C-alpha atoms as a PDB file:
ATOM      1  CA  MET A   1       9.549 -21.549   5.003  1.00  0.00           C
ATOM      2  CA  SER A   2      12.281 -22.018   5.987  1.00  0.00           C
ATOM      3  CA  ASP A   3      13.800 -20.798   9.730  1.00  0.00           C
ATOM      4  CA  GLU A   4      17.094 -20.108   8.712  1.00  0.00           C
ATOM      5  CA  MET A   5      18.473 -16.198   7.779  1.00  0.00           C
ATOM      6  CA  PRO A   6      18.598 -15.926   3.806  1.00  0.00           C
ATOM      7  CA  THR A   7      22.617 -15.270   3.070  1.00  0.00           C
ATOM      8  CA  ASP A   8      22.026 -14.416  -0.402  1.00  0.00           C
ATOM      9  CA  LEU A   9      20.539 -11.273   0.208  1.00  0.00           C
ATOM     10  CA  GLU A  10      21.528  -7.434  -0.908  1.00  0.00           C
ATOM     11  CA  VAL A  11      21.179  -5.244   2.279  1.00  0.00           C
ATOM     12  CA  VAL A  12      19.996  -1.749   0.978  1.00  0.00           C
ATOM     13  CA  PRO A  13      21.483   0.851   3.670  1.00  0.00           C
ATOM     14  CA  ASN A  14      19.051   3.809   2.391  1.00  0.00           C
ATOM     15  CA  PRO A  15      15.988   4.960   0.481  1.00  0.00           C
ATOM     16  CA  PRO A  16      16.316   6.257  -2.854  1.00  0.00           C
ATOM     17  CA  PRO A  17      15.772   9.567  -3.655  1.00  0.00           C
ATOM     18  CA  LEU A  18      12.817  11.526  -4.819  1.00  0.00           C
ATOM     19  CA  PRO A  19      12.267  11.527  -8.556  1.00  0.00           C
ATOM     20  CA  ASP A  20      12.774  14.220 -10.518  1.00  0.00           C
ATOM     21  CA  ARG A  21      10.240  16.993 -10.923  1.00  0.00           C
ATOM     22  CA  PRO A  22      11.080  19.454 -13.820  1.00  0.00           C
ATOM     23  CA  ASP A  23       9.971  22.874 -13.252  1.00  0.00           C
ATOM     24  CA  ASP A  24       7.885  23.054 -16.428  1.00  0.00           C
ATOM     25  CA  GLY A  25       5.974  19.879 -15.632  1.00  0.00           C
ATOM     26  CA  HIS A  26       1.926  19.554 -15.918  1.00  0.00           C
ATOM     27  CA  LYS A  27      -0.293  16.720 -14.339  1.00  0.00           C
ATOM     28  CA  GLY A  28       0.361  14.504 -17.070  1.00  0.00           C
ATOM     29  CA  LEU A  29       3.707  13.615 -16.273  1.00  0.00           C
ATOM     30  CA  PHE A  30       3.677  13.110 -12.591  1.00  0.00           C
ATOM     31  CA  GLY A  31       1.181   9.425 -12.817  1.00  0.00           C
ATOM     32  CA  ARG A  32      -2.194   8.720 -12.947  1.00  0.00           C
ATOM     33  CA  VAL A  33      -3.440   6.994  -9.999  1.00  0.00           C
ATOM     34  CA  LEU A  34      -6.504   4.831  -9.490  1.00  0.00           C
ATOM     35  CA  VAL A  35      -7.587   3.704  -5.886  1.00  0.00           C
ATOM     36  CA  VAL A  36     -10.238   1.148  -5.585  1.00  0.00           C
ATOM     37  CA  GLY A  37     -11.748   0.651  -2.026  1.00  0.00           C
ATOM     38  CA  GLY A  38     -14.330   1.692   0.045  1.00  0.00           C
ATOM     39  CA  SER A  39     -17.469   0.441   1.401  1.00  0.00           C
ATOM     40  CA  ASP A  40     -20.491   0.903   3.949  1.00  0.00           C
ATOM     41  CA  ALA A  41     -18.174   1.116   6.643  1.00  0.00           C
ATOM     42  CA  MET A  42     -14.966   2.480   5.660  1.00  0.00           C
ATOM     43  CA  LEU A  43     -15.418   5.615   3.305  1.00  0.00           C
ATOM     44  CA  GLY A  44     -12.181   7.310   4.947  1.00  0.00           C
ATOM     45  CA  ALA A  45      -9.424   4.620   3.645  1.00  0.00           C
ATOM     46  CA  PRO A  46      -9.441   5.139  -0.010  1.00  0.00           C
ATOM     47  CA  VAL A  47     -10.081   8.855   0.497  1.00  0.00           C
ATOM     48  CA  LEU A  48      -6.946   8.987   2.467  1.00  0.00           C
ATOM     49  CA  ALA A  49      -5.139   6.662   0.260  1.00  0.00           C
ATOM     50  CA  GLY A  50      -5.808   9.203  -2.548  1.00  0.00           C
ATOM     51  CA  THR A  51      -5.080  12.284  -0.760  1.00  0.00           C
ATOM     52  CA  ALA A  52      -1.729  11.072   0.312  1.00  0.00           C
ATOM     53  CA  ALA A  53      -1.146  10.345  -3.436  1.00  0.00           C
ATOM     54  CA  LEU A  54      -1.719  13.576  -4.147  1.00  0.00           C
ATOM     55  CA  ARG A  55       0.003  15.630  -1.592  1.00  0.00           C
ATOM     56  CA  THR A  56       2.922  13.184  -2.446  1.00  0.00           C
ATOM     57  CA  GLY A  57       3.155  14.532  -6.157  1.00  0.00           C
ATOM     58  CA  SER A  58       0.901  12.448  -7.981  1.00  0.00           C
ATOM     59  CA  GLY A  59      -0.775  14.580 -10.806  1.00  0.00           C
ATOM     60  CA  LEU A  60      -4.583  12.764 -10.893  1.00  0.00           C
ATOM     61  CA  VAL A  61      -5.797  10.314  -8.476  1.00  0.00           C
ATOM     62  CA  GLN A  62      -9.303   8.638  -9.461  1.00  0.00           C
ATOM     63  CA  LEU A  63     -11.146   6.737  -6.734  1.00  0.00           C
ATOM     64  CA  ALA A  64     -13.336   3.540  -7.671  1.00  0.00           C
ATOM     65  CA  LEU A  65     -15.990   3.224  -4.829  1.00  0.00           C
ATOM     66  CA  PRO A  66     -19.428   2.763  -4.319  1.00  0.00           C
ATOM     67  CA  ARG A  67     -21.627   4.867  -5.827  1.00  0.00           C
ATOM     68  CA  ALA A  68     -23.337   6.331  -3.182  1.00  0.00           C
ATOM     69  CA  MET A  69     -20.362   7.446  -1.382  1.00  0.00           C
ATOM     70  CA  VAL A  70     -18.709   9.608  -4.172  1.00  0.00           C
ATOM     71  CA  PRO A  71     -20.949  12.906  -3.037  1.00  0.00           C
ATOM     72  CA  PHE A  72     -18.780  12.072   0.429  1.00  0.00           C
ATOM     73  CA  ALA A  73     -15.504  11.259  -0.437  1.00  0.00           C
ATOM     74  CA  LEU A  74     -15.135  14.413  -3.209  1.00  0.00           C
ATOM     75  CA  SER A  75     -16.580  17.070  -0.061  1.00  0.00           C
ATOM     76  CA  ILE A  76     -13.439  15.489   2.029  1.00  0.00           C
ATOM     77  CA  THR A  77     -10.944  16.276  -1.174  1.00  0.00           C
ATOM     78  CA  PRO A  78     -12.442  18.055  -3.912  1.00  0.00           C
ATOM     79  CA  GLU A  79      -9.119  17.365  -6.095  1.00  0.00           C
ATOM     80  CA  LEU A  80      -9.763  13.643  -6.295  1.00  0.00           C
ATOM     81  CA  THR A  81     -11.830  12.609  -9.511  1.00  0.00           C
ATOM     82  CA  SER A  82     -14.110   9.426  -9.218  1.00  0.00           C
ATOM     83  CA  LEU A  83     -15.372   6.311 -10.501  1.00  0.00           C
ATOM     84  CA  PRO A  84     -18.632   5.301  -8.979  1.00  0.00           C
ATOM     85  CA  LEU A  85     -19.168   1.702  -8.947  1.00  0.00           C
ATOM     86  CA  GLY A  86     -22.455   0.123  -9.108  1.00  0.00           C
ATOM     87  CA  GLU A  87     -23.273  -3.377  -8.435  1.00  0.00           C
ATOM     88  CA  ASN A  88     -22.184  -5.294 -11.359  1.00  0.00           C
ATOM     89  CA  PRO A  89     -18.698  -6.079 -10.997  1.00  0.00           C
ATOM     90  CA  ASN A  90     -18.317  -7.302 -14.764  1.00  0.00           C
ATOM     91  CA  ARG A  91     -19.298  -3.912 -16.065  1.00  0.00           C
ATOM     92  CA  THR A  92     -16.279  -2.632 -18.324  1.00  0.00           C
ATOM     93  CA  MET A  93     -15.453   1.030 -16.483  1.00  0.00           C
ATOM     94  CA  LEU A  94     -13.337  -0.273 -13.788  1.00  0.00           C
ATOM     95  CA  ALA A  95     -11.266  -2.246 -16.669  1.00  0.00           C
ATOM     96  CA  GLU A  96     -11.015   0.835 -18.784  1.00  0.00           C
ATOM     97  CA  ALA A  97      -9.857   2.935 -15.618  1.00  0.00           C
ATOM     98  CA  ALA A  98      -7.313   0.296 -14.581  1.00  0.00           C
ATOM     99  CA  ASN A  99      -5.836   0.369 -18.174  1.00  0.00           C
ATOM    100  CA  LYS A 100      -5.588   4.256 -18.294  1.00  0.00           C
ATOM    101  CA  ALA A 101      -3.838   4.481 -14.749  1.00  0.00           C
ATOM    102  CA  ASP A 102      -0.413   4.347 -14.319  1.00  0.00           C
ATOM    103  CA  VAL A 103      -1.060   2.172 -11.279  1.00  0.00           C
ATOM    104  CA  LEU A 104      -3.113   0.708  -9.092  1.00  0.00           C
ATOM    105  CA  VAL A 105      -3.946   0.857  -5.321  1.00  0.00           C
ATOM    106  CA  VAL A 106      -6.131  -1.965  -4.571  1.00  0.00           C
ATOM    107  CA  GLY A 107      -8.110  -2.771  -1.183  1.00  0.00           C
ATOM    108  CA  PRO A 108      -8.382   0.317   1.354  1.00  0.00           C
ATOM    109  CA  GLY A 109     -11.492   0.250   3.038  1.00  0.00           C
ATOM    110  CA  MET A 110     -12.815  -2.464   0.296  1.00  0.00           C
ATOM    111  CA  GLY A 111     -14.353  -5.184   2.606  1.00  0.00           C
ATOM    112  CA  THR A 112     -14.514  -8.575   2.206  1.00  0.00           C
ATOM    113  CA  ALA A 113     -18.090  -8.830   0.569  1.00  0.00           C
ATOM    114  CA  ARG A 114     -18.582 -11.008  -2.449  1.00  0.00           C
ATOM    115  CA  LEU A 115     -18.507  -7.901  -4.602  1.00  0.00           C
ATOM    116  CA  ALA A 116     -15.342  -6.504  -3.791  1.00  0.00           C
ATOM    117  CA  ARG A 117     -13.702 -10.152  -4.158  1.00  0.00           C
ATOM    118  CA  LEU A 118     -14.935 -10.398  -8.183  1.00  0.00           C
ATOM    119  CA  ARG A 119     -13.744  -6.657  -8.706  1.00  0.00           C
ATOM    120  CA  LEU A 120     -10.495  -7.584  -6.847  1.00  0.00           C
ATOM    121  CA  TRP A 121     -10.101 -10.667  -9.088  1.00  0.00           C
ATOM    122  CA  ARG A 122     -10.748  -8.941 -12.081  1.00  0.00           C
ATOM    123  CA  LEU A 123      -8.030  -6.373 -11.320  1.00  0.00           C
ATOM    124  CA  LEU A 124      -5.390  -8.746 -10.895  1.00  0.00           C
ATOM    125  CA  THR A 125      -5.519  -9.433 -14.554  1.00  0.00           C
ATOM    126  CA  VAL A 126      -4.404  -6.181 -15.592  1.00  0.00           C
ATOM    127  CA  ASP A 127      -0.629  -5.570 -16.450  1.00  0.00           C
ATOM    128  CA  LYS A 128      -0.069  -2.982 -14.065  1.00  0.00           C
ATOM    129  CA  PRO A 129       2.005  -2.065 -10.838  1.00  0.00           C
ATOM    130  CA  ALA A 130      -0.187  -1.907  -7.823  1.00  0.00           C
ATOM    131  CA  VAL A 131      -0.545  -1.589  -4.362  1.00  0.00           C
ATOM    132  CA  LEU A 132      -2.144  -3.871  -2.321  1.00  0.00           C
ATOM    133  CA  ASP A 133      -3.286  -3.323   0.666  1.00  0.00           C
ATOM    134  CA  ALA A 134      -5.665  -4.415   3.958  1.00  0.00           C
ATOM    135  CA  ASP A 135      -8.900  -5.803   2.484  1.00  0.00           C
ATOM    136  CA  ALA A 136      -7.056  -6.826  -1.100  1.00  0.00           C
ATOM    137  CA  LEU A 137      -4.544  -8.965   1.086  1.00  0.00           C
ATOM    138  CA  ASN A 138      -7.316 -10.161   2.686  1.00  0.00           C
ATOM    139  CA  LEU A 139      -9.000 -11.831   0.394  1.00  0.00           C
ATOM    140  CA  ILE A 140      -6.386 -13.125  -1.446  1.00  0.00           C
ATOM    141  CA  ALA A 141      -5.393 -14.932   2.247  1.00  0.00           C
ATOM    142  CA  ALA A 142      -8.963 -16.017   2.652  1.00  0.00           C
ATOM    143  CA  SER A 143      -8.517 -17.669  -1.182  1.00  0.00           C
ATOM    144  CA  GLY A 144      -5.840 -20.384   0.204  1.00  0.00           C
ATOM    145  CA  GLU A 145      -2.986 -19.491  -2.569  1.00  0.00           C
ATOM    146  CA  TRP A 146      -1.803 -16.889  -4.317  1.00  0.00           C
ATOM    147  CA  PRO A 147      -3.506 -15.995  -7.577  1.00  0.00           C
ATOM    148  CA  ALA A 148      -1.535 -18.108 -10.133  1.00  0.00           C
ATOM    149  CA  THR A 149      -3.214 -16.030 -13.428  1.00  0.00           C
ATOM    150  CA  THR A 150      -2.338 -12.292 -11.669  1.00  0.00           C
ATOM    151  CA  SER A 151      -0.601  -9.873 -14.337  1.00  0.00           C
ATOM    152  CA  LEU A 152      -0.181  -7.048 -11.221  1.00  0.00           C
ATOM    153  CA  ARG A 153       3.336  -6.434 -10.498  1.00  0.00           C
ATOM    154  CA  ALA A 154       2.431  -5.641  -7.055  1.00  0.00           C
ATOM    155  CA  VAL A 155       3.699  -4.137  -3.467  1.00  0.00           C
ATOM    156  CA  LEU A 156       1.888  -6.141  -1.005  1.00  0.00           C
ATOM    157  CA  THR A 157       1.552  -4.074   2.481  1.00  0.00           C
ATOM    158  CA  PRO A 158       0.445  -6.152   4.930  1.00  0.00           C
ATOM    159  CA  HIS A 159       0.426  -5.375   8.724  1.00  0.00           C
ATOM    160  CA  PRO A 160       1.529  -8.300  11.135  1.00  0.00           C
ATOM    161  CA  GLY A 161      -2.075  -9.378  11.398  1.00  0.00           C
ATOM    162  CA  GLU A 162      -2.532  -9.555   7.370  1.00  0.00           C
ATOM    163  CA  MET A 163       0.765 -11.011   6.989  1.00  0.00           C
ATOM    164  CA  ALA A 164      -0.330 -13.832   9.288  1.00  0.00           C
ATOM    165  CA  ARG A 165      -3.073 -14.820   7.349  1.00  0.00           C
ATOM    166  CA  LEU A 166      -0.723 -14.936   4.439  1.00  0.00           C
ATOM    167  CA  MET A 167       1.935 -17.093   5.831  1.00  0.00           C
ATOM    168  CA  PRO A 168       0.050 -20.514   4.999  1.00  0.00           C
ATOM    169  CA  LEU A 169       0.147 -19.718   1.156  1.00  0.00           C
ATOM    170  CA  ILE A 170       3.964 -19.866   1.922  1.00  0.00           C
ATOM    171  CA  GLY A 171       3.893 -22.781   3.829  1.00  0.00           C
ATOM    172  CA  GLY A 172       4.346 -20.812   7.591  1.00  0.00           C
ATOM    173  CA  SER A 173       3.051 -22.503  10.357  1.00  0.00           C
ATOM    174  CA  ASP A 174       3.335 -21.960  14.175  1.00  0.00           C
ATOM    175  CA  PRO A 175       5.756 -24.578  15.837  1.00  0.00           C
ATOM    176  CA  ALA A 176       3.381 -24.559  18.484  1.00  0.00           C
ATOM    177  CA  GLY A 177       0.326 -26.104  16.804  1.00  0.00           C
ATOM    178  CA  GLY A 178      -1.457 -22.605  16.678  1.00  0.00           C
ATOM    179  CA  PRO A 179      -2.570 -20.124  14.014  1.00  0.00           C
ATOM    180  CA  PRO A 180       0.688 -18.525  12.424  1.00  0.00           C
ATOM    181  CA  ARG A 181       2.284 -15.757  13.655  1.00  0.00           C
ATOM    182  CA  VAL A 182       4.700 -13.006  12.637  1.00  0.00           C
ATOM    183  CA  PRO A 183       7.682 -12.970  15.065  1.00  0.00           C
ATOM    184  CA  THR A 184       8.458  -9.857  16.840  1.00  0.00           C
ATOM    185  CA  ASP A 185      12.012 -10.245  16.427  1.00  0.00           C
ATOM    186  CA  ASP A 186      14.002  -8.348  13.284  1.00  0.00           C
ATOM    187  CA  ALA A 187      16.003 -11.604  11.904  1.00  0.00           C
ATOM    188  CA  GLY A 188      12.079 -13.338  12.191  1.00  0.00           C
ATOM    189  CA  ARG A 189      10.184 -10.680  10.240  1.00  0.00           C
ATOM    190  CA  LEU A 190      13.056 -10.405   7.945  1.00  0.00           C
ATOM    191  CA  ARG A 191      12.963 -13.777   7.082  1.00  0.00           C
ATOM    192  CA  VAL A 192       9.286 -13.752   6.651  1.00  0.00           C
ATOM    193  CA  ALA A 193       9.202 -10.678   4.004  1.00  0.00           C
ATOM    194  CA  VAL A 194      11.743 -12.414   2.183  1.00  0.00           C
ATOM    195  CA  ALA A 195      10.014 -15.591   2.061  1.00  0.00           C
ATOM    196  CA  ALA A 196       6.443 -13.765   0.847  1.00  0.00           C
ATOM    197  CA  ALA A 197       8.643 -11.776  -1.617  1.00  0.00           C
ATOM    198  CA  ARG A 198      10.275 -15.069  -3.217  1.00  0.00           C
ATOM    199  CA  ALA A 199       6.848 -17.198  -2.605  1.00  0.00           C
ATOM    200  CA  PHE A 200       4.268 -14.195  -4.546  1.00  0.00           C
ATOM    201  CA  LYS A 201       7.376 -12.811  -6.822  1.00  0.00           C
ATOM    202  CA  GLN A 202       6.140  -9.718  -5.433  1.00  0.00           C
ATOM    203  CA  VAL A 203       7.792  -6.782  -3.599  1.00  0.00           C
ATOM    204  CA  VAL A 204       6.726  -7.096   0.481  1.00  0.00           C
ATOM    205  CA  LEU A 205       6.576  -4.507   2.910  1.00  0.00           C
ATOM    206  CA  LEU A 206       5.839  -5.858   6.185  1.00  0.00           C
ATOM    207  CA  LYS A 207       4.714  -2.914   8.176  1.00  0.00           C
ATOM    208  CA  GLY A 208       6.218  -2.453  11.981  1.00  0.00           C
ATOM    209  CA  LYS A 209       8.768  -0.522  14.264  1.00  0.00           C
ATOM    210  CA  ARG A 210      11.760  -1.025  11.508  1.00  0.00           C
ATOM    211  CA  THR A 211       9.314  -2.099   8.733  1.00  0.00           C
ATOM    212  CA  VAL A 212      10.965  -4.497   6.303  1.00  0.00           C
ATOM    213  CA  ILE A 213      10.604  -4.023   2.554  1.00  0.00           C
ATOM    214  CA  ALA A 214      11.660  -6.995   0.636  1.00  0.00           C
ATOM    215  CA  ASP A 215      11.220  -8.186  -3.172  1.00  0.00           C
ATOM    216  CA  GLY A 216      13.341 -11.635  -3.054  1.00  0.00           C
ATOM    217  CA  ARG A 217      16.886 -10.228  -3.865  1.00  0.00           C
ATOM    218  CA  ARG A 218      17.116  -6.925  -1.830  1.00  0.00           C
ATOM    219  CA  VAL A 219      16.023  -6.034   1.702  1.00  0.00           C
ATOM    220  CA  TYR A 220      15.912  -2.076   3.144  1.00  0.00           C
ATOM    221  CA  VAL A 221      14.757  -2.104   6.659  1.00  0.00           C
ATOM    222  CA  ASN A 222      13.256   1.534   7.866  1.00  0.00           C
ATOM    223  CA  THR A 223      14.156   3.241  10.343  1.00  0.00           C
ATOM    224  CA  THR A 224      11.797   6.392  10.491  1.00  0.00           C
ATOM    225  CA  GLY A 225       8.707   6.476  12.760  1.00  0.00           C
ATOM    226  CA  ASP A 226       7.004   6.086  15.971  1.00  0.00           C
ATOM    227  CA  SER A 227       3.884   5.545  17.979  1.00  0.00           C
ATOM    228  CA  SER A 228       2.414   8.279  16.629  1.00  0.00           C
ATOM    229  CA  LEU A 229       1.404   6.190  13.484  1.00  0.00           C
ATOM    230  CA  SER A 230      -0.796   3.442  15.704  1.00  0.00           C
ATOM    231  CA  LYS A 231      -4.040   5.066  14.319  1.00  0.00           C
ATOM    232  CA  GLY A 232      -6.331   3.827  12.231  1.00  0.00           C
ATOM    233  CA  GLY A 233      -6.007   5.102   8.663  1.00  0.00           C
ATOM    234  CA  THR A 234      -2.270   5.255   8.718  1.00  0.00           C
ATOM    235  CA  GLY A 235      -1.372   2.419   6.925  1.00  0.00           C
ATOM    236  CA  ASP A 236      -3.818   3.651   4.245  1.00  0.00           C
ATOM    237  CA  VAL A 237      -1.691   7.202   3.847  1.00  0.00           C
ATOM    238  CA  LEU A 238       1.546   4.583   3.300  1.00  0.00           C
ATOM    239  CA  ALA A 239      -0.691   2.824   0.378  1.00  0.00           C
ATOM    240  CA  GLY A 240      -0.900   6.738  -1.522  1.00  0.00           C
ATOM    241  CA  ILE A 241       2.616   7.264  -0.700  1.00  0.00           C
ATOM    242  CA  ILE A 242       3.895   4.249  -2.196  1.00  0.00           C
ATOM    243  CA  GLY A 243       1.427   4.286  -5.295  1.00  0.00           C
ATOM    244  CA  SER A 244       2.196   8.100  -6.098  1.00  0.00           C
ATOM    245  CA  LEU A 245       5.996   7.177  -6.423  1.00  0.00           C
ATOM    246  CA  ILE A 246       5.396   4.485  -8.291  1.00  0.00           C
ATOM    247  CA  GLY A 247       3.269   6.843 -10.878  1.00  0.00           C
ATOM    248  CA  GLN A 248       5.617   9.220 -10.950  1.00  0.00           C
ATOM    249  CA  GLY A 249       8.091   6.841 -12.263  1.00  0.00           C
ATOM    250  CA  MET A 250       9.726   4.602  -9.664  1.00  0.00           C
ATOM    251  CA  GLU A 251      10.686   0.872  -9.555  1.00  0.00           C
ATOM    252  CA  ARG A 252       8.543  -0.969  -6.973  1.00  0.00           C
ATOM    253  CA  PHE A 253      10.991  -1.795  -4.639  1.00  0.00           C
ATOM    254  CA  GLU A 254      12.448   1.628  -4.403  1.00  0.00           C
ATOM    255  CA  ALA A 255       9.332   3.186  -4.578  1.00  0.00           C
ATOM    256  CA  ALA A 256       8.336   1.051  -1.179  1.00  0.00           C
ATOM    257  CA  SER A 257      11.443   1.999   0.773  1.00  0.00           C
ATOM    258  CA  LEU A 258      11.104   5.613   0.010  1.00  0.00           C
ATOM    259  CA  GLY A 259       7.283   5.356   0.671  1.00  0.00           C
ATOM    260  CA  ALA A 260       7.954   3.911   4.278  1.00  0.00           C
ATOM    261  CA  TRP A 261      10.639   6.229   5.072  1.00  0.00           C
ATOM    262  CA  ILE A 262       8.539   9.921   4.072  1.00  0.00           C
ATOM    263  CA  HIS A 263       5.608   7.718   6.072  1.00  0.00           C
ATOM    264  CA  GLY A 264       7.535   7.503   9.295  1.00  0.00           C
ATOM    265  CA  ARG A 265       8.851  10.949   8.763  1.00  0.00           C
ATOM    266  CA  ALA A 266       5.750  12.601   8.338  1.00  0.00           C
ATOM    267  CA  GLY A 267       4.514  10.627  11.511  1.00  0.00           C
ATOM    268  CA  GLU A 268       7.295  12.131  13.666  1.00  0.00           C
ATOM    269  CA  ILE A 269       6.732  15.434  12.317  1.00  0.00           C
ATOM    270  CA  ALA A 270       2.684  15.431  13.093  1.00  0.00           C
ATOM    271  CA  GLY A 271       3.906  13.950  16.850  1.00  0.00           C
ATOM    272  CA  LYS A 272       6.565  16.492  17.454  1.00  0.00           C
ATOM    273  CA  LYS A 273       3.412  19.048  16.952  1.00  0.00           C
ATOM    274  CA  LEU A 274       0.613  17.569  18.170  1.00  0.00           C
ATOM    275  CA  GLY A 275       2.190  14.892  20.477  1.00  0.00           C
ATOM    276  CA  PRO A 276       2.145  11.055  19.267  1.00  0.00           C
ATOM    277  CA  ARG A 277      -1.500  10.294  21.587  1.00  0.00           C
ATOM    278  CA  SER A 278      -3.134  12.969  19.426  1.00  0.00           C
ATOM    279  CA  VAL A 279      -2.094  12.319  15.557  1.00  0.00           C
ATOM    280  CA  LEU A 280      -4.364  11.517  13.612  1.00  0.00           C
ATOM    281  CA  ALA A 281      -4.010   9.745   9.570  1.00  0.00           C
ATOM    282  CA  ARG A 282      -4.828  13.486   8.139  1.00  0.00           C
ATOM    283  CA  ASP A 283      -2.185  15.043  10.021  1.00  0.00           C
ATOM    284  CA  VAL A 284       0.466  12.207   8.856  1.00  0.00           C
ATOM    285  CA  VAL A 285      -0.874  13.320   5.393  1.00  0.00           C
ATOM    286  CA  GLU A 286      -0.444  17.123   5.912  1.00  0.00           C
ATOM    287  CA  ALA A 287       3.026  16.320   7.203  1.00  0.00           C
ATOM    288  CA  ILE A 288       4.005  14.634   3.904  1.00  0.00           C
ATOM    289  CA  GLY A 289       4.954  17.889   2.457  1.00  0.00           C
ATOM    290  CA  GLU A 290       6.750  19.248   4.906  1.00  0.00           C
ATOM    291  CA  VAL A 291       9.088  15.634   4.585  1.00  0.00           C
ATOM    292  CA  LEU A 292       9.402  16.558   0.924  1.00  0.00           C
ATOM    293  CA  ARG A 293      10.011  20.126   1.028  1.00  0.00           C
ATOM    294  CA  ALA A 294      12.801  19.069   3.624  1.00  0.00           C
ATOM    295  CA  MET A 295      14.417  16.495   1.129  1.00  0.00           C
END
């Protein structure tokens, strides 16, 4: 990976507007989102992602998660629908649900066990737009290479730790000989995001202060957000927001840029109400409506 700043990038100064929403629209017009995730230790992650997608305007959101978790997930957000998953990763139900969806959100709380890896690799062959988050990225990093057979048109949403795990796949290394690290300066973060977008031929959203979104030829650096978002679960909320916007018809780079802006602004609003120390991921979800109303 080159240490030089790319010179052939279009810098996008502002996120795009929200997609149109006709007054006479119905749920079938506003996107069907399939969230695939959940494990014994992490039920909340897919629920937060799915609930955020609904708050952002999706018409239908389905959670595909282990069967035993379904009643608990729907008791938190009953507006979600479910696809109970069993122990057989080769069942056709998941593939059928993916084919019916307008967009997939894969990874929140998924874990990295064998069954999760098999499900992910099955979904990578589906020709759909998708958001790959959290353990989906960790599983890909652990495989040692970007899956050459993937048909997904994805937005990857790594935080710096996940991005560091992905860096060996794009030739990244630490000059000092240690494990790869994501630079902390703006220029360095931009270089890493652009290199990953070009290597994987996907949209990459590198989280952090001044989140960077790159698709290989365009880059947007987000300006919203503060330490109110420094809690577990807020990344799952972001994945759900982006998935919702894609499902409503937005192109991936634009959905990721606008999603980062909405997510950051929702965190700011929640922080003003509760104080930045006290904000929970669910408070960020609740603030999404206020952000969209203001827009």
